[in-house]
Amino acid sequence: MLQTLQIISLVVGIPSTAIVLLTSVCKPFRAWLFGRYRGQETDRCLLRDRITEIYYKHYQERRMRLYEYEDLEKLYMQYKKLKGNSFVDKIWNEVQTWTIDE
């Protein structure tokens, strides 16, 4: 009986100790474990919102200034790094056909 309790204690204790050690020492593991990366969804939403705002601001004339285009490009690249969907790809591909003013 005592031997069984010792085995159970080891089976439960070793993984628990490993998790405590990882969460206290390793920040990326701690962030993953406690859901810090859920913030990426919020980041994607904010980027998508800003991209569509710029798009619809210039949609009628189909032209934009160079600095706005460069900003849009940076937003798009960040959105893709966060594994954004194809909706913004369609916007980006359409903007590529527009006139960009210096």
C-alpha atoms as a PDB file:
ATOM      1  CA  MET A   1       0.000   0.000   0.000  1.00  0.00           C
ATOM      2  CA  LEU A   2       2.782   2.398   0.936  1.00  0.00           C
ATOM      3  CA  GLN A   3       4.626   1.558  -2.255  1.00  0.00           C
ATOM      4  CA  THR A   4       1.498   2.302  -4.325  1.00  0.00           C
ATOM      5  CA  LEU A   5       1.116   5.714  -2.672  1.00  0.00           C
ATOM      6  CA  GLN A   6       4.756   6.494  -3.384  1.00  0.00           C
ATOM      7  CA  ILE A   7       4.299   5.620  -7.061  1.00  0.00           C
ATOM      8  CA  ILE A   8       1.158   7.768  -7.285  1.00  0.00           C
ATOM      9  CA  SER A   9       3.013  10.596  -5.578  1.00  0.00           C
ATOM     10  CA  LEU A  10       5.827  10.378  -8.133  1.00  0.00           C
ATOM     11  CA  VAL A  11       3.445  10.149 -11.091  1.00  0.00           C
ATOM     12  CA  VAL A  12       1.587  13.267  -9.956  1.00  0.00           C
ATOM     13  CA  GLY A  13       4.508  15.125  -8.403  1.00  0.00           C
ATOM     14  CA  ILE A  14       7.033  15.054 -11.237  1.00  0.00           C
ATOM     15  CA  PRO A  15       4.767  16.582 -13.924  1.00  0.00           C
ATOM     16  CA  SER A  16       3.419  19.112 -11.431  1.00  0.00           C
ATOM     17  CA  THR A  17       6.925  20.163 -10.471  1.00  0.00           C
ATOM     18  CA  ALA A  18       7.912  20.432 -14.133  1.00  0.00           C
ATOM     19  CA  ILE A  19       4.935  22.680 -14.895  1.00  0.00           C
ATOM     20  CA  VAL A  20       5.640  24.918 -11.903  1.00  0.00           C
ATOM     21  CA  LEU A  21       9.275  25.194 -12.926  1.00  0.00           C
ATOM     22  CA  LEU A  22       8.419  25.986 -16.552  1.00  0.00           C
ATOM     23  CA  THR A  23       5.819  28.610 -15.643  1.00  0.00           C
ATOM     24  CA  SER A  24       8.128  30.350 -13.225  1.00  0.00           C
ATOM     25  CA  VAL A  25      11.218  30.289 -15.451  1.00  0.00           C
ATOM     26  CA  CYS A  26      10.034  30.184 -19.049  1.00  0.00           C
ATOM     27  CA  LYS A  27       7.920  33.205 -20.055  1.00  0.00           C
ATOM     28  CA  PRO A  28       6.787  31.871 -23.485  1.00  0.00           C
ATOM     29  CA  PHE A  29       5.495  28.680 -21.884  1.00  0.00           C
ATOM     30  CA  ARG A  30       3.746  30.686 -19.187  1.00  0.00           C
ATOM     31  CA  ALA A  31       2.162  32.935 -21.815  1.00  0.00           C
ATOM     32  CA  TRP A  32       0.979  29.920 -23.813  1.00  0.00           C
ATOM     33  CA  LEU A  33      -0.349  28.144 -20.738  1.00  0.00           C
ATOM     34  CA  PHE A  34      -2.328  31.132 -19.496  1.00  0.00           C
ATOM     35  CA  GLY A  35      -3.620  32.226 -22.899  1.00  0.00           C
ATOM     36  CA  ARG A  36      -1.575  35.353 -23.576  1.00  0.00           C
ATOM     37  CA  TYR A  37      -1.632  34.587 -27.274  1.00  0.00           C
ATOM     38  CA  ARG A  38      -5.374  35.150 -27.344  1.00  0.00           C
ATOM     39  CA  GLY A  39      -4.422  38.794 -27.770  1.00  0.00           C
ATOM     40  CA  GLN A  40      -3.399  38.002 -31.339  1.00  0.00           C
ATOM     41  CA  GLU A  41      -7.056  37.743 -32.301  1.00  0.00           C
ATOM     42  CA  THR A  42      -7.602  41.265 -31.000  1.00  0.00           C
ATOM     43  CA  ASP A  43      -4.527  42.479 -32.884  1.00  0.00           C
ATOM     44  CA  ARG A  44      -5.814  40.884 -36.084  1.00  0.00           C
ATOM     45  CA  CYS A  45      -9.202  42.544 -35.638  1.00  0.00           C
ATOM     46  CA  LEU A  46      -7.646  45.958 -35.090  1.00  0.00           C
ATOM     47  CA  LEU A  47      -5.374  45.579 -38.109  1.00  0.00           C
ATOM     48  CA  ARG A  48      -8.252  44.389 -40.290  1.00  0.00           C
ATOM     49  CA  ASP A  49     -10.356  47.331 -39.128  1.00  0.00           C
ATOM     50  CA  ARG A  50      -7.626  49.854 -39.953  1.00  0.00           C
ATOM     51  CA  ILE A  51      -6.934  48.250 -43.356  1.00  0.00           C
ATOM     52  CA  THR A  52     -10.610  48.335 -44.323  1.00  0.00           C
ATOM     53  CA  GLU A  53     -10.908  51.924 -43.072  1.00  0.00           C
ATOM     54  CA  ILE A  54      -8.075  53.035 -45.361  1.00  0.00           C
ATOM     55  CA  TYR A  55      -9.513  50.986 -48.216  1.00  0.00           C
ATOM     56  CA  TYR A  56     -13.006  52.490 -48.018  1.00  0.00           C
ATOM     57  CA  LYS A  57     -11.595  55.992 -47.578  1.00  0.00           C
ATOM     58  CA  HIS A  58     -10.053  55.710 -51.066  1.00  0.00           C
ATOM     59  CA  TYR A  59     -12.432  53.216 -52.656  1.00  0.00           C
ATOM     60  CA  GLN A  60     -14.348  55.675 -54.859  1.00  0.00           C
ATOM     61  CA  GLU A  61     -11.335  57.430 -56.386  1.00  0.00           C
ATOM     62  CA  ARG A  62      -9.147  54.286 -56.483  1.00  0.00           C
ATOM     63  CA  ARG A  63      -6.009  56.232 -55.715  1.00  0.00           C
ATOM     64  CA  MET A  64      -4.028  57.106 -52.599  1.00  0.00           C
ATOM     65  CA  ARG A  65      -0.924  58.942 -51.563  1.00  0.00           C
ATOM     66  CA  LEU A  66       2.359  57.077 -51.311  1.00  0.00           C
ATOM     67  CA  TYR A  67       2.713  57.415 -47.533  1.00  0.00           C
ATOM     68  CA  GLU A  68      -0.788  55.994 -47.022  1.00  0.00           C
ATOM     69  CA  TYR A  69       0.047  53.119 -49.335  1.00  0.00           C
ATOM     70  CA  GLU A  70       3.253  52.430 -47.363  1.00  0.00           C
ATOM     71  CA  ASP A  71       1.266  52.459 -44.105  1.00  0.00           C
ATOM     72  CA  LEU A  72      -1.265  50.098 -45.627  1.00  0.00           C
ATOM     73  CA  GLU A  73       1.527  47.789 -46.735  1.00  0.00           C
ATOM     74  CA  LYS A  74       2.998  47.648 -43.224  1.00  0.00           C
ATOM     75  CA  LEU A  75      -0.428  46.931 -41.735  1.00  0.00           C
ATOM     76  CA  TYR A  76      -1.008  44.201 -44.296  1.00  0.00           C
ATOM     77  CA  MET A  77       2.355  42.540 -43.592  1.00  0.00           C
ATOM     78  CA  GLN A  78       1.654  42.514 -39.851  1.00  0.00           C
ATOM     79  CA  TYR A  79      -1.815  41.116 -40.499  1.00  0.00           C
ATOM     80  CA  LYS A  80      -0.359  38.265 -42.548  1.00  0.00           C
ATOM     81  CA  LYS A  81       2.233  37.511 -39.840  1.00  0.00           C
ATOM     82  CA  LEU A  82      -0.691  36.987 -37.484  1.00  0.00           C
ATOM     83  CA  LYS A  83      -2.196  34.550 -40.006  1.00  0.00           C
ATOM     84  CA  GLY A  84      -5.012  36.841 -41.098  1.00  0.00           C
ATOM     85  CA  ASN A  85      -7.694  35.583 -43.470  1.00  0.00           C
ATOM     86  CA  SER A  86      -8.205  36.065 -47.197  1.00  0.00           C
ATOM     87  CA  PHE A  87     -10.634  38.978 -46.836  1.00  0.00           C
ATOM     88  CA  VAL A  88      -7.740  41.397 -46.437  1.00  0.00           C
ATOM     89  CA  ASP A  89      -5.859  39.630 -49.263  1.00  0.00           C
ATOM     90  CA  LYS A  90      -8.689  40.619 -51.613  1.00  0.00           C
ATOM     91  CA  ILE A  91      -8.463  44.230 -50.454  1.00  0.00           C
ATOM     92  CA  TRP A  92      -4.688  44.227 -50.811  1.00  0.00           C
ATOM     93  CA  ASN A  93      -4.816  42.748 -54.321  1.00  0.00           C
ATOM     94  CA  GLU A  94      -7.356  45.346 -55.405  1.00  0.00           C
ATOM     95  CA  VAL A  95      -5.285  48.215 -53.996  1.00  0.00           C
ATOM     96  CA  GLN A  96      -2.367  46.973 -56.107  1.00  0.00           C
ATOM     97  CA  THR A  97      -4.328  48.071 -59.213  1.00  0.00           C
ATOM     98  CA  TRP A  98      -4.928  51.604 -57.916  1.00  0.00           C
ATOM     99  CA  THR A  99      -2.988  54.761 -58.743  1.00  0.00           C
ATOM    100  CA  ILE A 100      -0.422  55.701 -56.112  1.00  0.00           C
ATOM    101  CA  ASP A 101       0.430  59.414 -56.023  1.00  0.00           C
ATOM    102  CA  GLU A 102       3.904  60.517 -55.016  1.00  0.00           C
END
